[in-house]
């Protein structure tokens, strides 16, 4: 495996939090800003990665590399290098938090885990991440692609949960959260038996709807005024109406603001926090395996 030779520099970049100066074949200079890392890649962040990756449409891959973590879903790290060489990127798409690169051969997939950031030479898809170390480091560059025009598409991932895939299976993913229809929303809330899981857990179930992560789920329920512990099957018609409205409003508003970390409840997302809407104490619990915050007053 040929890994980039990367050195760090104290010079910062105001444009995207850090930048990369290219060398040969993977000589890079990572310039880190003093800003803190504030995001986790949910659907809005991966959509920004897709837009960044769309700039390499038409370019041909001359070299690929992946460390053992990024290649964990492949037979070996070398399988990525062998599979991608000579492919031309034809288009980009996304299903939830899975980035897809359609090529002249197999479709390539990238999952970003909790701390994955996509870089294209001197630009990042987003500035930073909510979870993980609050810094960028050359040692966290896990793999990438080099193109015939000299550009490089790289994955930076401190927690080592990002993954490369070849011909990813989409059958386990529900409809995309950014284009969810009313019919698909009703199917999301359908319960086969009993009262079903807590509504927060249902929103995080990628087989039901692809792309909603922890921050977006909490923001939707905050806006809808629904306790995240509420069993999905207990939601009445008015609850469902409010949740659908909040679902769409959250996606639209946070996309305009610039990311999943910019919700109305975020400043109160700390132990002992108070709701910015009514001053109520913010509650915290683990729901669906994720740390969940909600207002003790208006969410019921």
C-alpha atoms as a PDB file:
ATOM      1  CA  UNK A   1       0.000   0.000   0.000  1.00  0.00           C
ATOM      2  CA  UNK A   2       1.405   3.370  -1.035  1.00  0.00           C
ATOM      3  CA  UNK A   3       0.328   5.961   1.507  1.00  0.00           C
ATOM      4  CA  UNK A   4       0.712   9.734   1.115  1.00  0.00           C
ATOM      5  CA  UNK A   5       3.784  11.408   2.520  1.00  0.00           C
ATOM      6  CA  UNK A   6       2.119  14.159   4.530  1.00  0.00           C
ATOM      7  CA  UNK A   7       3.582  16.918   6.634  1.00  0.00           C
ATOM      8  CA  UNK A   8       1.761  19.521   8.680  1.00  0.00           C
ATOM      9  CA  UNK A   9       2.092  23.259   8.501  1.00  0.00           C
ATOM     10  CA  UNK A  10       1.085  25.979  10.951  1.00  0.00           C
ATOM     11  CA  UNK A  11      -0.395  28.114   8.214  1.00  0.00           C
ATOM     12  CA  UNK A  12      -4.210  28.127   8.308  1.00  0.00           C
ATOM     13  CA  UNK A  13      -6.827  28.346   5.599  1.00  0.00           C
ATOM     14  CA  UNK A  14      -9.901  30.467   6.256  1.00  0.00           C
ATOM     15  CA  UNK A  15     -11.745  28.950   3.319  1.00  0.00           C
ATOM     16  CA  UNK A  16     -12.487  25.462   4.630  1.00  0.00           C
ATOM     17  CA  UNK A  17     -10.604  24.920   7.877  1.00  0.00           C
ATOM     18  CA  UNK A  18      -7.570  23.405   6.166  1.00  0.00           C
ATOM     19  CA  UNK A  19      -6.098  23.029   2.711  1.00  0.00           C
ATOM     20  CA  UNK A  20      -3.816  20.698   0.835  1.00  0.00           C
ATOM     21  CA  UNK A  21      -0.903  21.478  -1.448  1.00  0.00           C
ATOM     22  CA  UNK A  22      -0.285  18.642  -3.866  1.00  0.00           C
ATOM     23  CA  UNK A  23       2.932  16.904  -4.724  1.00  0.00           C
ATOM     24  CA  UNK A  24       3.944  13.655  -6.438  1.00  0.00           C
ATOM     25  CA  UNK A  25       2.608  11.083  -6.245  1.00  0.00           C
ATOM     26  CA  UNK A  26       0.766  11.818  -2.988  1.00  0.00           C
ATOM     27  CA  UNK A  27       2.961  14.442  -1.366  1.00  0.00           C
ATOM     28  CA  UNK A  28       0.606  16.632   0.620  1.00  0.00           C
ATOM     29  CA  UNK A  29       0.842  19.534   3.020  1.00  0.00           C
ATOM     30  CA  UNK A  30      -2.041  19.672   5.475  1.00  0.00           C
ATOM     31  CA  UNK A  31      -2.641  23.173   6.815  1.00  0.00           C
ATOM     32  CA  UNK A  32      -4.816  23.182   9.908  1.00  0.00           C
ATOM     33  CA  UNK A  33      -6.886  26.121  11.104  1.00  0.00           C
ATOM     34  CA  UNK A  34      -7.488  27.001  14.736  1.00  0.00           C
ATOM     35  CA  UNK A  35     -11.233  26.365  14.412  1.00  0.00           C
ATOM     36  CA  UNK A  36     -12.888  23.604  16.402  1.00  0.00           C
ATOM     37  CA  UNK A  37     -14.555  20.551  14.884  1.00  0.00           C
ATOM     38  CA  UNK A  38     -18.329  20.658  15.247  1.00  0.00           C
ATOM     39  CA  UNK A  39     -20.010  18.150  12.940  1.00  0.00           C
ATOM     40  CA  UNK A  40     -20.793  14.510  12.300  1.00  0.00           C
ATOM     41  CA  UNK A  41     -21.470  13.451   8.700  1.00  0.00           C
ATOM     42  CA  UNK A  42     -25.232  13.108   8.430  1.00  0.00           C
ATOM     43  CA  UNK A  43     -27.148  13.361   5.176  1.00  0.00           C
ATOM     44  CA  UNK A  44     -26.562  17.112   4.747  1.00  0.00           C
ATOM     45  CA  UNK A  45     -22.801  16.727   5.136  1.00  0.00           C
ATOM     46  CA  UNK A  46     -22.649  13.762   2.738  1.00  0.00           C
ATOM     47  CA  UNK A  47     -24.642  15.768   0.208  1.00  0.00           C
ATOM     48  CA  UNK A  48     -21.941  18.433   0.447  1.00  0.00           C
ATOM     49  CA  UNK A  49     -19.357  15.677  -0.121  1.00  0.00           C
ATOM     50  CA  UNK A  50     -21.311  14.575  -3.208  1.00  0.00           C
ATOM     51  CA  UNK A  51     -21.213  18.102  -4.615  1.00  0.00           C
ATOM     52  CA  UNK A  52     -17.461  18.233  -3.996  1.00  0.00           C
ATOM     53  CA  UNK A  53     -16.918  14.822  -5.613  1.00  0.00           C
ATOM     54  CA  UNK A  54     -18.969  15.862  -8.650  1.00  0.00           C
ATOM     55  CA  UNK A  55     -16.004  18.007  -9.679  1.00  0.00           C
ATOM     56  CA  UNK A  56     -14.063  14.888 -10.673  1.00  0.00           C
ATOM     57  CA  UNK A  57     -16.772  13.643 -13.073  1.00  0.00           C
ATOM     58  CA  UNK A  58     -15.016  12.913 -16.367  1.00  0.00           C
ATOM     59  CA  UNK A  59     -11.619  12.312 -14.734  1.00  0.00           C
ATOM     60  CA  UNK A  60      -9.874   8.947 -14.921  1.00  0.00           C
ATOM     61  CA  UNK A  61      -8.418   7.261 -11.843  1.00  0.00           C
ATOM     62  CA  UNK A  62      -4.719   6.470 -12.178  1.00  0.00           C
ATOM     63  CA  UNK A  63      -4.104   5.284  -8.630  1.00  0.00           C
ATOM     64  CA  UNK A  64      -6.043   4.332  -5.513  1.00  0.00           C
ATOM     65  CA  UNK A  65      -5.041   3.391  -1.982  1.00  0.00           C
ATOM     66  CA  UNK A  66      -6.774   2.417   1.268  1.00  0.00           C
ATOM     67  CA  UNK A  67      -5.571   1.467   4.719  1.00  0.00           C
ATOM     68  CA  UNK A  68      -6.857  -1.645   6.489  1.00  0.00           C
ATOM     69  CA  UNK A  69      -9.669   0.288   8.195  1.00  0.00           C
ATOM     70  CA  UNK A  70     -11.062   1.971   5.088  1.00  0.00           C
ATOM     71  CA  UNK A  71     -10.831  -1.364   3.233  1.00  0.00           C
ATOM     72  CA  UNK A  72     -12.464  -3.390   6.007  1.00  0.00           C
ATOM     73  CA  UNK A  73     -15.481  -4.305   3.842  1.00  0.00           C
ATOM     74  CA  UNK A  74     -13.198  -5.387   0.971  1.00  0.00           C
ATOM     75  CA  UNK A  75     -11.113  -8.545   0.632  1.00  0.00           C
ATOM     76  CA  UNK A  76      -7.922  -6.520   1.206  1.00  0.00           C
ATOM     77  CA  UNK A  77      -6.575  -2.957   0.948  1.00  0.00           C
ATOM     78  CA  UNK A  78      -5.022  -3.915  -2.370  1.00  0.00           C
ATOM     79  CA  UNK A  79      -8.443  -4.845  -3.755  1.00  0.00           C
ATOM     80  CA  UNK A  80      -9.371  -1.148  -3.848  1.00  0.00           C
ATOM     81  CA  UNK A  81      -6.229  -0.182  -5.768  1.00  0.00           C
ATOM     82  CA  UNK A  82      -6.738  -2.966  -8.303  1.00  0.00           C
ATOM     83  CA  UNK A  83     -10.460  -2.273  -8.787  1.00  0.00           C
ATOM     84  CA  UNK A  84     -10.300   1.491  -9.326  1.00  0.00           C
ATOM     85  CA  UNK A  85      -7.287   1.917 -11.598  1.00  0.00           C
ATOM     86  CA  UNK A  86      -8.282   3.077 -15.075  1.00  0.00           C
ATOM     87  CA  UNK A  87     -11.920   3.821 -14.196  1.00  0.00           C
ATOM     88  CA  UNK A  88     -13.514   7.067 -15.357  1.00  0.00           C
ATOM     89  CA  UNK A  89     -15.953   8.791 -12.993  1.00  0.00           C
ATOM     90  CA  UNK A  90     -19.237   9.260 -14.852  1.00  0.00           C
ATOM     91  CA  UNK A  91     -21.573  10.691 -12.190  1.00  0.00           C
ATOM     92  CA  UNK A  92     -22.136  11.049  -8.449  1.00  0.00           C
ATOM     93  CA  UNK A  93     -25.173  10.243  -6.332  1.00  0.00           C
ATOM     94  CA  UNK A  94     -26.071   9.423  -2.750  1.00  0.00           C
ATOM     95  CA  UNK A  95     -28.428   7.235  -0.728  1.00  0.00           C
ATOM     96  CA  UNK A  96     -28.723   8.626   2.765  1.00  0.00           C
ATOM     97  CA  UNK A  97     -25.196   8.852   4.159  1.00  0.00           C
ATOM     98  CA  UNK A  98     -23.638   6.642   1.446  1.00  0.00           C
ATOM     99  CA  UNK A  99     -21.767   8.504  -1.307  1.00  0.00           C
ATOM    100  CA  UNK A 100     -21.818   6.783  -4.718  1.00  0.00           C
ATOM    101  CA  UNK A 101     -19.451   7.294  -7.645  1.00  0.00           C
ATOM    102  CA  UNK A 102     -20.717   5.778 -10.891  1.00  0.00           C
ATOM    103  CA  UNK A 103     -17.770   4.855 -13.107  1.00  0.00           C
ATOM    104  CA  UNK A 104     -17.009   3.200 -16.439  1.00  0.00           C
ATOM    105  CA  UNK A 105     -16.850  -0.008 -14.389  1.00  0.00           C
ATOM    106  CA  UNK A 106     -18.256  -0.785 -10.929  1.00  0.00           C
ATOM    107  CA  UNK A 107     -20.006   1.741  -8.718  1.00  0.00           C
ATOM    108  CA  UNK A 108     -17.772   2.916  -5.882  1.00  0.00           C
ATOM    109  CA  UNK A 109     -19.214   3.683  -2.456  1.00  0.00           C
ATOM    110  CA  UNK A 110     -17.881   5.672   0.497  1.00  0.00           C
ATOM    111  CA  UNK A 111     -19.360   5.530   4.001  1.00  0.00           C
ATOM    112  CA  UNK A 112     -18.023   8.173   6.383  1.00  0.00           C
ATOM    113  CA  UNK A 113     -18.824   6.763   9.829  1.00  0.00           C
ATOM    114  CA  UNK A 114     -18.809   9.388  12.588  1.00  0.00           C
ATOM    115  CA  UNK A 115     -15.735  11.440  11.716  1.00  0.00           C
ATOM    116  CA  UNK A 116     -15.063  10.974   8.001  1.00  0.00           C
ATOM    117  CA  UNK A 117     -14.346  14.072   5.890  1.00  0.00           C
ATOM    118  CA  UNK A 118     -13.948  14.102   2.109  1.00  0.00           C
ATOM    119  CA  UNK A 119     -11.139  16.247   0.709  1.00  0.00           C
ATOM    120  CA  UNK A 120     -10.469  17.294  -2.858  1.00  0.00           C
ATOM    121  CA  UNK A 121      -6.966  18.770  -2.984  1.00  0.00           C
ATOM    122  CA  UNK A 122      -7.176  22.079  -1.119  1.00  0.00           C
ATOM    123  CA  UNK A 123     -10.856  21.905  -0.247  1.00  0.00           C
ATOM    124  CA  UNK A 124     -13.012  19.965   2.230  1.00  0.00           C
ATOM    125  CA  UNK A 125     -16.662  19.098   1.824  1.00  0.00           C
ATOM    126  CA  UNK A 126     -17.269  20.549   5.300  1.00  0.00           C
ATOM    127  CA  UNK A 127     -15.128  22.379   7.846  1.00  0.00           C
ATOM    128  CA  UNK A 128     -15.180  19.904  10.708  1.00  0.00           C
ATOM    129  CA  UNK A 129     -17.075  17.296  12.681  1.00  0.00           C
ATOM    130  CA  UNK A 130     -19.143  17.271  15.887  1.00  0.00           C
ATOM    131  CA  UNK A 131     -17.758  13.982  17.234  1.00  0.00           C
ATOM    132  CA  UNK A 132     -14.088  13.022  17.524  1.00  0.00           C
ATOM    133  CA  UNK A 133     -10.784  14.827  18.038  1.00  0.00           C
ATOM    134  CA  UNK A 134     -11.066  18.556  17.427  1.00  0.00           C
ATOM    135  CA  UNK A 135      -8.206  18.689  14.953  1.00  0.00           C
ATOM    136  CA  UNK A 136      -7.017  17.433  11.595  1.00  0.00           C
ATOM    137  CA  UNK A 137      -3.921  15.294  11.282  1.00  0.00           C
ATOM    138  CA  UNK A 138      -2.035  13.710   8.401  1.00  0.00           C
ATOM    139  CA  UNK A 139      -2.050  10.372  10.222  1.00  0.00           C
ATOM    140  CA  UNK A 140      -5.850  10.229   9.823  1.00  0.00           C
ATOM    141  CA  UNK A 141      -5.772  10.231   6.020  1.00  0.00           C
ATOM    142  CA  UNK A 142      -7.067   6.706   5.353  1.00  0.00           C
ATOM    143  CA  UNK A 143      -7.208   6.409   1.580  1.00  0.00           C
ATOM    144  CA  UNK A 144      -8.267   7.969  -1.668  1.00  0.00           C
ATOM    145  CA  UNK A 145      -8.078   8.309  -5.422  1.00  0.00           C
ATOM    146  CA  UNK A 146      -5.626  10.096  -7.711  1.00  0.00           C
ATOM    147  CA  UNK A 147      -6.791  11.249 -11.136  1.00  0.00           C
ATOM    148  CA  UNK A 148      -5.145  11.748 -14.489  1.00  0.00           C
ATOM    149  CA  UNK A 149      -5.313  15.533 -14.069  1.00  0.00           C
ATOM    150  CA  UNK A 150      -3.329  15.351 -10.804  1.00  0.00           C
ATOM    151  CA  UNK A 151      -6.224  15.931  -8.405  1.00  0.00           C
ATOM    152  CA  UNK A 152      -6.712  13.737  -5.343  1.00  0.00           C
ATOM    153  CA  UNK A 153      -9.906  12.757  -3.545  1.00  0.00           C
ATOM    154  CA  UNK A 154      -9.063  11.689   0.021  1.00  0.00           C
ATOM    155  CA  UNK A 155     -10.829  10.486   3.167  1.00  0.00           C
ATOM    156  CA  UNK A 156      -9.731  11.857   6.565  1.00  0.00           C
ATOM    157  CA  UNK A 157     -11.126   9.794   9.457  1.00  0.00           C
ATOM    158  CA  UNK A 158      -9.830   9.840  13.067  1.00  0.00           C
ATOM    159  CA  UNK A 159     -12.189   7.178  14.423  1.00  0.00           C
ATOM    160  CA  UNK A 160     -11.478   4.708  11.607  1.00  0.00           C
ATOM    161  CA  UNK A 161     -15.158   3.960  10.918  1.00  0.00           C
ATOM    162  CA  UNK A 162     -15.285   5.151   7.293  1.00  0.00           C
ATOM    163  CA  UNK A 163     -15.390   2.442   4.628  1.00  0.00           C
ATOM    164  CA  UNK A 164     -14.763   2.037   0.905  1.00  0.00           C
ATOM    165  CA  UNK A 165     -17.129  -0.267  -0.993  1.00  0.00           C
ATOM    166  CA  UNK A 166     -17.259  -1.703  -4.511  1.00  0.00           C
ATOM    167  CA  UNK A 167     -20.779  -2.186  -5.920  1.00  0.00           C
ATOM    168  CA  UNK A 168     -22.412  -1.375  -2.555  1.00  0.00           C
ATOM    169  CA  UNK A 169     -25.669  -3.122  -1.707  1.00  0.00           C
ATOM    170  CA  UNK A 170     -28.481  -0.574  -1.383  1.00  0.00           C
ATOM    171  CA  UNK A 171     -31.205  -3.084  -0.559  1.00  0.00           C
ATOM    172  CA  UNK A 172     -30.830  -2.562   3.197  1.00  0.00           C
ATOM    173  CA  UNK A 173     -31.379   1.210   2.946  1.00  0.00           C
ATOM    174  CA  UNK A 174     -34.736   2.934   3.108  1.00  0.00           C
ATOM    175  CA  UNK A 175     -35.787   5.911   0.963  1.00  0.00           C
ATOM    176  CA  UNK A 176     -33.554   8.962   0.999  1.00  0.00           C
ATOM    177  CA  UNK A 177     -34.421  11.455   3.739  1.00  0.00           C
ATOM    178  CA  UNK A 178     -33.952  14.523   1.522  1.00  0.00           C
ATOM    179  CA  UNK A 179     -36.586  13.363  -0.960  1.00  0.00           C
ATOM    180  CA  UNK A 180     -38.981  11.572   1.409  1.00  0.00           C
ATOM    181  CA  UNK A 181     -42.584  11.612   0.177  1.00  0.00           C
ATOM    182  CA  UNK A 182     -45.747  11.656   2.302  1.00  0.00           C
ATOM    183  CA  UNK A 183     -46.363   7.999   1.432  1.00  0.00           C
ATOM    184  CA  UNK A 184     -42.822   7.046   2.429  1.00  0.00           C
ATOM    185  CA  UNK A 185     -43.188   9.031   5.668  1.00  0.00           C
ATOM    186  CA  UNK A 186     -46.363   7.091   6.506  1.00  0.00           C
ATOM    187  CA  UNK A 187     -44.480   3.841   5.839  1.00  0.00           C
ATOM    188  CA  UNK A 188     -41.675   5.045   8.121  1.00  0.00           C
ATOM    189  CA  UNK A 189     -44.142   5.320  11.008  1.00  0.00           C
ATOM    190  CA  UNK A 190     -45.958   2.043  10.289  1.00  0.00           C
ATOM    191  CA  UNK A 191     -45.750  -0.495  13.139  1.00  0.00           C
ATOM    192  CA  UNK A 192     -46.340  -4.187  12.471  1.00  0.00           C
ATOM    193  CA  UNK A 193     -47.100  -5.205  16.034  1.00  0.00           C
ATOM    194  CA  UNK A 194     -47.288  -3.666  19.473  1.00  0.00           C
ATOM    195  CA  UNK A 195     -46.384  -0.025  19.973  1.00  0.00           C
ATOM    196  CA  UNK A 196     -43.114  -0.244  18.095  1.00  0.00           C
ATOM    197  CA  UNK A 197     -39.768   1.374  18.977  1.00  0.00           C
ATOM    198  CA  UNK A 198     -39.236   4.837  20.409  1.00  0.00           C
ATOM    199  CA  UNK A 199     -39.771   7.412  17.667  1.00  0.00           C
ATOM    200  CA  UNK A 200     -36.155   8.601  17.953  1.00  0.00           C
ATOM    201  CA  UNK A 201     -34.941   5.040  17.330  1.00  0.00           C
ATOM    202  CA  UNK A 202     -37.268   4.717  14.343  1.00  0.00           C
ATOM    203  CA  UNK A 203     -35.930   7.927  12.793  1.00  0.00           C
ATOM    204  CA  UNK A 204     -32.383   6.561  13.125  1.00  0.00           C
ATOM    205  CA  UNK A 205     -33.281   3.219  11.495  1.00  0.00           C
ATOM    206  CA  UNK A 206     -31.518   3.447   8.125  1.00  0.00           C
ATOM    207  CA  UNK A 207     -33.610   0.600   6.736  1.00  0.00           C
ATOM    208  CA  UNK A 208     -36.704   2.774   7.221  1.00  0.00           C
ATOM    209  CA  UNK A 209     -35.290   6.126   6.088  1.00  0.00           C
ATOM    210  CA  UNK A 210     -31.717   6.661   4.925  1.00  0.00           C
ATOM    211  CA  UNK A 211     -29.758   9.659   6.135  1.00  0.00           C
ATOM    212  CA  UNK A 212     -31.233  10.846   9.448  1.00  0.00           C
ATOM    213  CA  UNK A 213     -28.550  10.904  12.119  1.00  0.00           C
ATOM    214  CA  UNK A 214     -28.503  11.788  15.795  1.00  0.00           C
ATOM    215  CA  UNK A 215     -28.482  15.578  15.487  1.00  0.00           C
ATOM    216  CA  UNK A 216     -31.132  15.744  12.777  1.00  0.00           C
ATOM    217  CA  UNK A 217     -33.369  13.318  14.641  1.00  0.00           C
ATOM    218  CA  UNK A 218     -33.227  15.373  17.831  1.00  0.00           C
ATOM    219  CA  UNK A 219     -33.859  18.601  15.926  1.00  0.00           C
ATOM    220  CA  UNK A 220     -36.920  17.180  14.157  1.00  0.00           C
ATOM    221  CA  UNK A 221     -38.467  16.032  17.433  1.00  0.00           C
ATOM    222  CA  UNK A 222     -37.546  19.321  19.136  1.00  0.00           C
ATOM    223  CA  UNK A 223     -39.374  21.270  16.434  1.00  0.00           C
ATOM    224  CA  UNK A 224     -42.343  18.886  16.462  1.00  0.00           C
ATOM    225  CA  UNK A 225     -42.662  19.003  20.263  1.00  0.00           C
ATOM    226  CA  UNK A 226     -42.511  15.214  20.592  1.00  0.00           C
ATOM    227  CA  UNK A 227     -40.782  13.306  23.399  1.00  0.00           C
ATOM    228  CA  UNK A 228     -38.176  11.074  21.687  1.00  0.00           C
ATOM    229  CA  UNK A 229     -39.094   8.179  23.999  1.00  0.00           C
ATOM    230  CA  UNK A 230     -42.650   8.030  22.650  1.00  0.00           C
ATOM    231  CA  UNK A 231     -43.409   4.646  21.047  1.00  0.00           C
ATOM    232  CA  UNK A 232     -43.917   5.144  17.324  1.00  0.00           C
ATOM    233  CA  UNK A 233     -47.286   3.407  17.419  1.00  0.00           C
ATOM    234  CA  UNK A 234     -48.623   5.878  20.002  1.00  0.00           C
ATOM    235  CA  UNK A 235     -48.249   8.891  17.726  1.00  0.00           C
ATOM    236  CA  UNK A 236     -51.637  10.382  16.906  1.00  0.00           C
ATOM    237  CA  UNK A 237     -52.618  12.042  13.625  1.00  0.00           C
ATOM    238  CA  UNK A 238     -51.690  15.504  14.926  1.00  0.00           C
ATOM    239  CA  UNK A 239     -48.306  14.214  16.157  1.00  0.00           C
ATOM    240  CA  UNK A 240     -47.643  12.733  12.724  1.00  0.00           C
ATOM    241  CA  UNK A 241     -48.631  15.931  10.965  1.00  0.00           C
ATOM    242  CA  UNK A 242     -46.307  17.988  13.150  1.00  0.00           C
ATOM    243  CA  UNK A 243     -43.461  15.509  12.705  1.00  0.00           C
ATOM    244  CA  UNK A 244     -43.744  15.469   8.918  1.00  0.00           C
ATOM    245  CA  UNK A 245     -43.741  19.274   8.885  1.00  0.00           C
ATOM    246  CA  UNK A 246     -40.727  19.356  11.244  1.00  0.00           C
ATOM    247  CA  UNK A 247     -38.935  16.678   9.211  1.00  0.00           C
ATOM    248  CA  UNK A 248     -39.126  18.760   6.045  1.00  0.00           C
ATOM    249  CA  UNK A 249     -38.490  22.088   7.770  1.00  0.00           C
ATOM    250  CA  UNK A 250     -35.398  20.718   9.535  1.00  0.00           C
ATOM    251  CA  UNK A 251     -33.894  19.424   6.291  1.00  0.00           C
ATOM    252  CA  UNK A 252     -34.558  22.673   4.437  1.00  0.00           C
ATOM    253  CA  UNK A 253     -33.473  25.051   7.202  1.00  0.00           C
ATOM    254  CA  UNK A 254     -30.273  23.228   8.164  1.00  0.00           C
ATOM    255  CA  UNK A 255     -29.290  22.771   4.532  1.00  0.00           C
ATOM    256  CA  UNK A 256     -29.533  26.543   4.115  1.00  0.00           C
ATOM    257  CA  UNK A 257     -27.629  27.178   7.353  1.00  0.00           C
ATOM    258  CA  UNK A 258     -24.818  24.839   6.364  1.00  0.00           C
ATOM    259  CA  UNK A 259     -25.079  21.569   8.284  1.00  0.00           C
ATOM    260  CA  UNK A 260     -26.732  19.192  10.724  1.00  0.00           C
ATOM    261  CA  UNK A 261     -25.015  20.869  13.688  1.00  0.00           C
ATOM    262  CA  UNK A 262     -26.890  24.161  13.222  1.00  0.00           C
ATOM    263  CA  UNK A 263     -30.270  23.199  14.671  1.00  0.00           C
ATOM    264  CA  UNK A 264     -32.327  25.387  16.998  1.00  0.00           C
ATOM    265  CA  UNK A 265     -31.626  23.137  20.002  1.00  0.00           C
ATOM    266  CA  UNK A 266     -27.853  22.809  19.598  1.00  0.00           C
ATOM    267  CA  UNK A 267     -26.732  25.447  22.099  1.00  0.00           C
ATOM    268  CA  UNK A 268     -28.727  23.628  24.791  1.00  0.00           C
ATOM    269  CA  UNK A 269     -27.231  20.250  23.921  1.00  0.00           C
ATOM    270  CA  UNK A 270     -25.156  20.080  27.096  1.00  0.00           C
ATOM    271  CA  UNK A 271     -25.765  18.565  30.552  1.00  0.00           C
ATOM    272  CA  UNK A 272     -27.842  21.037  32.533  1.00  0.00           C
ATOM    273  CA  UNK A 273     -28.839  22.969  29.418  1.00  0.00           C
ATOM    274  CA  UNK A 274     -32.068  24.934  29.077  1.00  0.00           C
ATOM    275  CA  UNK A 275     -34.452  24.945  26.157  1.00  0.00           C
ATOM    276  CA  UNK A 276     -34.030  28.052  23.954  1.00  0.00           C
ATOM    277  CA  UNK A 277     -37.773  27.993  23.226  1.00  0.00           C
ATOM    278  CA  UNK A 278     -39.304  27.915  26.725  1.00  0.00           C
ATOM    279  CA  UNK A 279     -36.451  27.686  29.254  1.00  0.00           C
ATOM    280  CA  UNK A 280     -37.297  24.131  30.250  1.00  0.00           C
ATOM    281  CA  UNK A 281     -34.556  21.812  31.492  1.00  0.00           C
ATOM    282  CA  UNK A 282     -33.042  19.710  28.742  1.00  0.00           C
ATOM    283  CA  UNK A 283     -33.254  15.985  29.422  1.00  0.00           C
ATOM    284  CA  UNK A 284     -30.702  13.443  28.193  1.00  0.00           C
ATOM    285  CA  UNK A 285     -30.853   9.681  27.686  1.00  0.00           C
ATOM    286  CA  UNK A 286     -29.571   6.995  25.337  1.00  0.00           C
ATOM    287  CA  UNK A 287     -32.223   6.116  22.753  1.00  0.00           C
ATOM    288  CA  UNK A 288     -31.566   3.942  19.748  1.00  0.00           C
ATOM    289  CA  UNK A 289     -27.967   3.672  20.902  1.00  0.00           C
ATOM    290  CA  UNK A 290     -27.386   7.437  20.665  1.00  0.00           C
ATOM    291  CA  UNK A 291     -27.210  10.241  23.208  1.00  0.00           C
ATOM    292  CA  UNK A 292     -30.512  12.092  22.906  1.00  0.00           C
ATOM    293  CA  UNK A 293     -31.515  15.539  24.189  1.00  0.00           C
ATOM    294  CA  UNK A 294     -35.042  16.918  24.545  1.00  0.00           C
ATOM    295  CA  UNK A 295     -36.963  19.629  26.377  1.00  0.00           C
ATOM    296  CA  UNK A 296     -38.828  18.601  29.527  1.00  0.00           C
ATOM    297  CA  UNK A 297     -41.534  21.209  28.881  1.00  0.00           C
ATOM    298  CA  UNK A 298     -42.674  21.380  25.275  1.00  0.00           C
ATOM    299  CA  UNK A 299     -41.684  17.882  24.101  1.00  0.00           C
ATOM    300  CA  UNK A 300     -44.298  15.416  25.308  1.00  0.00           C
END
